[in-house]
Amino acid sequence: MTGNAIAKATCRHRRQPIPVVYEQVRIDTAFRADLIVEAKVIVEFKSVESLLPVHKEQLLTYLRLADKRLGLLINLHAPLIEDRLTRIVNGLEDEDHSKSFHSIGHRLSYSRNRNE
């Protein structure tokens, strides 16, 4: 499957308004997600020198309000690809709900080396 075919097959919504109901009050556009993929993943784009904890908390709040489990925070300004992507998971038991792809890869290579 080519990249274009995958892109066409994937259902995605840009700047999707997310409603919130709180104490019987409905706010139709509480926030707008930058991108929602397959009605499962919220993707937020930033273009900042470095991601701050508030960026991760913002996406986690979006995930909670939209009742989604997985989010991607993409920093378009970071020079290295592993510094651009951060996965945020709603509902993890520990407080470290965000993992950069760089740290995940490091941990995987570490665990492979220990098993050899």
C-alpha atoms as a PDB file:
ATOM      1  CA  MET A   1       0.000   0.000   0.000  1.00  0.00           C
ATOM      2  CA  THR A   2       1.477   3.355  -0.981  1.00  0.00           C
ATOM      3  CA  GLY A   3       1.548   6.412   1.266  1.00  0.00           C
ATOM      4  CA  ASN A   4      -1.278   8.019  -0.726  1.00  0.00           C
ATOM      5  CA  ALA A   5      -3.451   4.913  -0.460  1.00  0.00           C
ATOM      6  CA  ILE A   6      -2.885   4.755   3.301  1.00  0.00           C
ATOM      7  CA  ALA A   7      -3.709   8.457   3.655  1.00  0.00           C
ATOM      8  CA  LYS A   8      -6.927   8.019   1.685  1.00  0.00           C
ATOM      9  CA  ALA A   9      -7.940   4.923   3.684  1.00  0.00           C
ATOM     10  CA  THR A  10      -7.418   6.642   7.031  1.00  0.00           C
ATOM     11  CA  CYS A  11     -10.355   8.574   8.417  1.00  0.00           C
ATOM     12  CA  ARG A  12      -9.128  11.851   9.863  1.00  0.00           C
ATOM     13  CA  HIS A  13     -10.666  15.119  10.976  1.00  0.00           C
ATOM     14  CA  ARG A  14      -8.800  18.424  11.159  1.00  0.00           C
ATOM     15  CA  ARG A  15      -9.629  21.114  13.709  1.00  0.00           C
ATOM     16  CA  GLN A  16     -12.403  18.907  15.042  1.00  0.00           C
ATOM     17  CA  PRO A  17     -14.563  20.647  17.681  1.00  0.00           C
ATOM     18  CA  ILE A  18     -14.905  18.594  20.862  1.00  0.00           C
ATOM     19  CA  PRO A  19     -18.013  19.217  22.995  1.00  0.00           C
ATOM     20  CA  VAL A  20     -17.910  19.017  26.781  1.00  0.00           C
ATOM     21  CA  VAL A  21     -20.807  18.491  29.191  1.00  0.00           C
ATOM     22  CA  TYR A  22     -20.256  19.616  32.768  1.00  0.00           C
ATOM     23  CA  GLU A  23     -23.026  19.648  35.383  1.00  0.00           C
ATOM     24  CA  GLN A  24     -25.726  19.531  32.693  1.00  0.00           C
ATOM     25  CA  VAL A  25     -24.171  22.437  30.778  1.00  0.00           C
ATOM     26  CA  ARG A  26     -23.047  21.596  27.256  1.00  0.00           C
ATOM     27  CA  ILE A  27     -20.269  23.547  25.559  1.00  0.00           C
ATOM     28  CA  ASP A  28     -20.345  22.564  21.886  1.00  0.00           C
ATOM     29  CA  THR A  29     -16.805  23.703  21.126  1.00  0.00           C
ATOM     30  CA  ALA A  30     -14.837  23.373  24.339  1.00  0.00           C
ATOM     31  CA  PHE A  31     -11.669  22.929  22.288  1.00  0.00           C
ATOM     32  CA  ARG A  32     -10.573  21.996  18.789  1.00  0.00           C
ATOM     33  CA  ALA A  33      -8.250  19.073  18.267  1.00  0.00           C
ATOM     34  CA  ASP A  34      -5.636  19.712  15.576  1.00  0.00           C
ATOM     35  CA  LEU A  35      -6.201  16.255  14.121  1.00  0.00           C
ATOM     36  CA  ILE A  36      -8.180  13.159  15.096  1.00  0.00           C
ATOM     37  CA  VAL A  37      -7.216   9.901  13.348  1.00  0.00           C
ATOM     38  CA  GLU A  38      -9.618   6.955  13.085  1.00  0.00           C
ATOM     39  CA  ALA A  39     -11.713   8.495  15.908  1.00  0.00           C
ATOM     40  CA  LYS A  40      -9.067   7.137  18.314  1.00  0.00           C
ATOM     41  CA  VAL A  41      -5.919   9.269  18.319  1.00  0.00           C
ATOM     42  CA  ILE A  42      -5.729  13.007  18.991  1.00  0.00           C
ATOM     43  CA  VAL A  43      -2.724  14.651  17.345  1.00  0.00           C
ATOM     44  CA  GLU A  44      -1.587  18.083  18.498  1.00  0.00           C
ATOM     45  CA  PHE A  45       1.008  20.081  16.582  1.00  0.00           C
ATOM     46  CA  LYS A  46       3.341  22.596  18.183  1.00  0.00           C
ATOM     47  CA  SER A  47       6.185  24.640  16.753  1.00  0.00           C
ATOM     48  CA  VAL A  48       8.248  25.560  19.790  1.00  0.00           C
ATOM     49  CA  GLU A  49      11.920  25.352  20.696  1.00  0.00           C
ATOM     50  CA  SER A  50      11.171  22.685  23.302  1.00  0.00           C
ATOM     51  CA  LEU A  51       8.010  21.095  24.620  1.00  0.00           C
ATOM     52  CA  LEU A  52       6.993  22.155  28.104  1.00  0.00           C
ATOM     53  CA  PRO A  53       4.969  20.170  30.647  1.00  0.00           C
ATOM     54  CA  VAL A  54       1.978  22.414  29.910  1.00  0.00           C
ATOM     55  CA  HIS A  55       1.895  21.116  26.302  1.00  0.00           C
ATOM     56  CA  LYS A  56       1.682  17.526  27.520  1.00  0.00           C
ATOM     57  CA  GLU A  57      -0.955  18.418  30.104  1.00  0.00           C
ATOM     58  CA  GLN A  58      -3.000  20.199  27.439  1.00  0.00           C
ATOM     59  CA  LEU A  59      -3.096  17.083  25.269  1.00  0.00           C
ATOM     60  CA  LEU A  60      -3.847  14.873  28.273  1.00  0.00           C
ATOM     61  CA  THR A  61      -6.775  17.140  29.139  1.00  0.00           C
ATOM     62  CA  TYR A  62      -8.040  16.882  25.550  1.00  0.00           C
ATOM     63  CA  LEU A  63      -7.803  13.086  25.770  1.00  0.00           C
ATOM     64  CA  ARG A  64      -9.765  13.033  29.024  1.00  0.00           C
ATOM     65  CA  LEU A  65     -12.469  15.389  27.784  1.00  0.00           C
ATOM     66  CA  ALA A  66     -12.857  13.521  24.495  1.00  0.00           C
ATOM     67  CA  ASP A  67     -12.698  10.106  26.211  1.00  0.00           C
ATOM     68  CA  LYS A  68      -9.762   8.985  24.058  1.00  0.00           C
ATOM     69  CA  ARG A  69      -6.819   6.873  25.163  1.00  0.00           C
ATOM     70  CA  LEU A  70      -3.939   7.860  22.882  1.00  0.00           C
ATOM     71  CA  GLY A  71      -2.487  11.172  21.739  1.00  0.00           C
ATOM     72  CA  LEU A  72       0.558  12.310  19.796  1.00  0.00           C
ATOM     73  CA  LEU A  73       2.271  15.599  20.457  1.00  0.00           C
ATOM     74  CA  ILE A  74       4.358  16.650  17.462  1.00  0.00           C
ATOM     75  CA  ASN A  75       6.861  19.497  17.758  1.00  0.00           C
ATOM     76  CA  LEU A  76       7.597  20.691  14.238  1.00  0.00           C
ATOM     77  CA  HIS A  77      10.458  22.909  15.422  1.00  0.00           C
ATOM     78  CA  ALA A  78      12.690  20.167  16.884  1.00  0.00           C
ATOM     79  CA  PRO A  79      15.705  19.342  14.698  1.00  0.00           C
ATOM     80  CA  LEU A  80      15.707  15.551  15.322  1.00  0.00           C
ATOM     81  CA  ILE A  81      12.732  13.285  14.584  1.00  0.00           C
ATOM     82  CA  GLU A  82      13.023  11.507  17.943  1.00  0.00           C
ATOM     83  CA  ASP A  83      12.654  14.885  19.666  1.00  0.00           C
ATOM     84  CA  ARG A  84       9.571  15.749  17.609  1.00  0.00           C
ATOM     85  CA  LEU A  85       7.214  12.960  18.684  1.00  0.00           C
ATOM     86  CA  THR A  86       5.778  12.402  22.140  1.00  0.00           C
ATOM     87  CA  ARG A  87       3.120   9.791  22.866  1.00  0.00           C
ATOM     88  CA  ILE A  88       0.597  10.637  25.583  1.00  0.00           C
ATOM     89  CA  VAL A  89      -1.604   7.891  27.040  1.00  0.00           C
ATOM     90  CA  ASN A  90      -4.730   8.656  29.036  1.00  0.00           C
ATOM     91  CA  GLY A  91      -5.364   6.388  32.009  1.00  0.00           C
ATOM     92  CA  LEU A  92      -1.934   4.963  32.764  1.00  0.00           C
ATOM     93  CA  GLU A  93      -1.453   3.980  36.395  1.00  0.00           C
ATOM     94  CA  ASP A  94       1.841   5.808  36.893  1.00  0.00           C
ATOM     95  CA  GLU A  95       2.226   9.553  36.557  1.00  0.00           C
ATOM     96  CA  ASP A  96       4.606   9.336  33.597  1.00  0.00           C
ATOM     97  CA  HIS A  97       1.944   9.187  30.889  1.00  0.00           C
ATOM     98  CA  SER A  98       4.169  10.655  28.189  1.00  0.00           C
ATOM     99  CA  LYS A  99       6.993   8.905  26.419  1.00  0.00           C
ATOM    100  CA  SER A 100       9.164  10.311  23.706  1.00  0.00           C
ATOM    101  CA  PHE A 101       9.886   7.905  20.896  1.00  0.00           C
ATOM    102  CA  HIS A 102      13.603   8.357  21.577  1.00  0.00           C
ATOM    103  CA  SER A 103      13.317   7.102  25.167  1.00  0.00           C
ATOM    104  CA  ILE A 104      11.108   4.186  24.091  1.00  0.00           C
ATOM    105  CA  GLY A 105      13.691   3.104  21.512  1.00  0.00           C
ATOM    106  CA  HIS A 106      16.461   3.403  24.088  1.00  0.00           C
ATOM    107  CA  ARG A 107      14.552   1.241  26.548  1.00  0.00           C
ATOM    108  CA  LEU A 108      13.792  -1.378  23.895  1.00  0.00           C
ATOM    109  CA  SER A 109      17.447  -1.656  22.873  1.00  0.00           C
ATOM    110  CA  TYR A 110      18.447  -1.848  26.561  1.00  0.00           C
ATOM    111  CA  SER A 111      16.002  -4.679  27.261  1.00  0.00           C
ATOM    112  CA  ARG A 112      17.135  -6.575  24.136  1.00  0.00           C
ATOM    113  CA  ASN A 113      20.770  -6.333  25.255  1.00  0.00           C
ATOM    114  CA  ARG A 114      19.913  -7.635  28.725  1.00  0.00           C
ATOM    115  CA  ASN A 115      18.156 -10.691  27.239  1.00  0.00           C
ATOM    116  CA  GLU A 116      21.140 -11.681  25.096  1.00  0.00           C
END
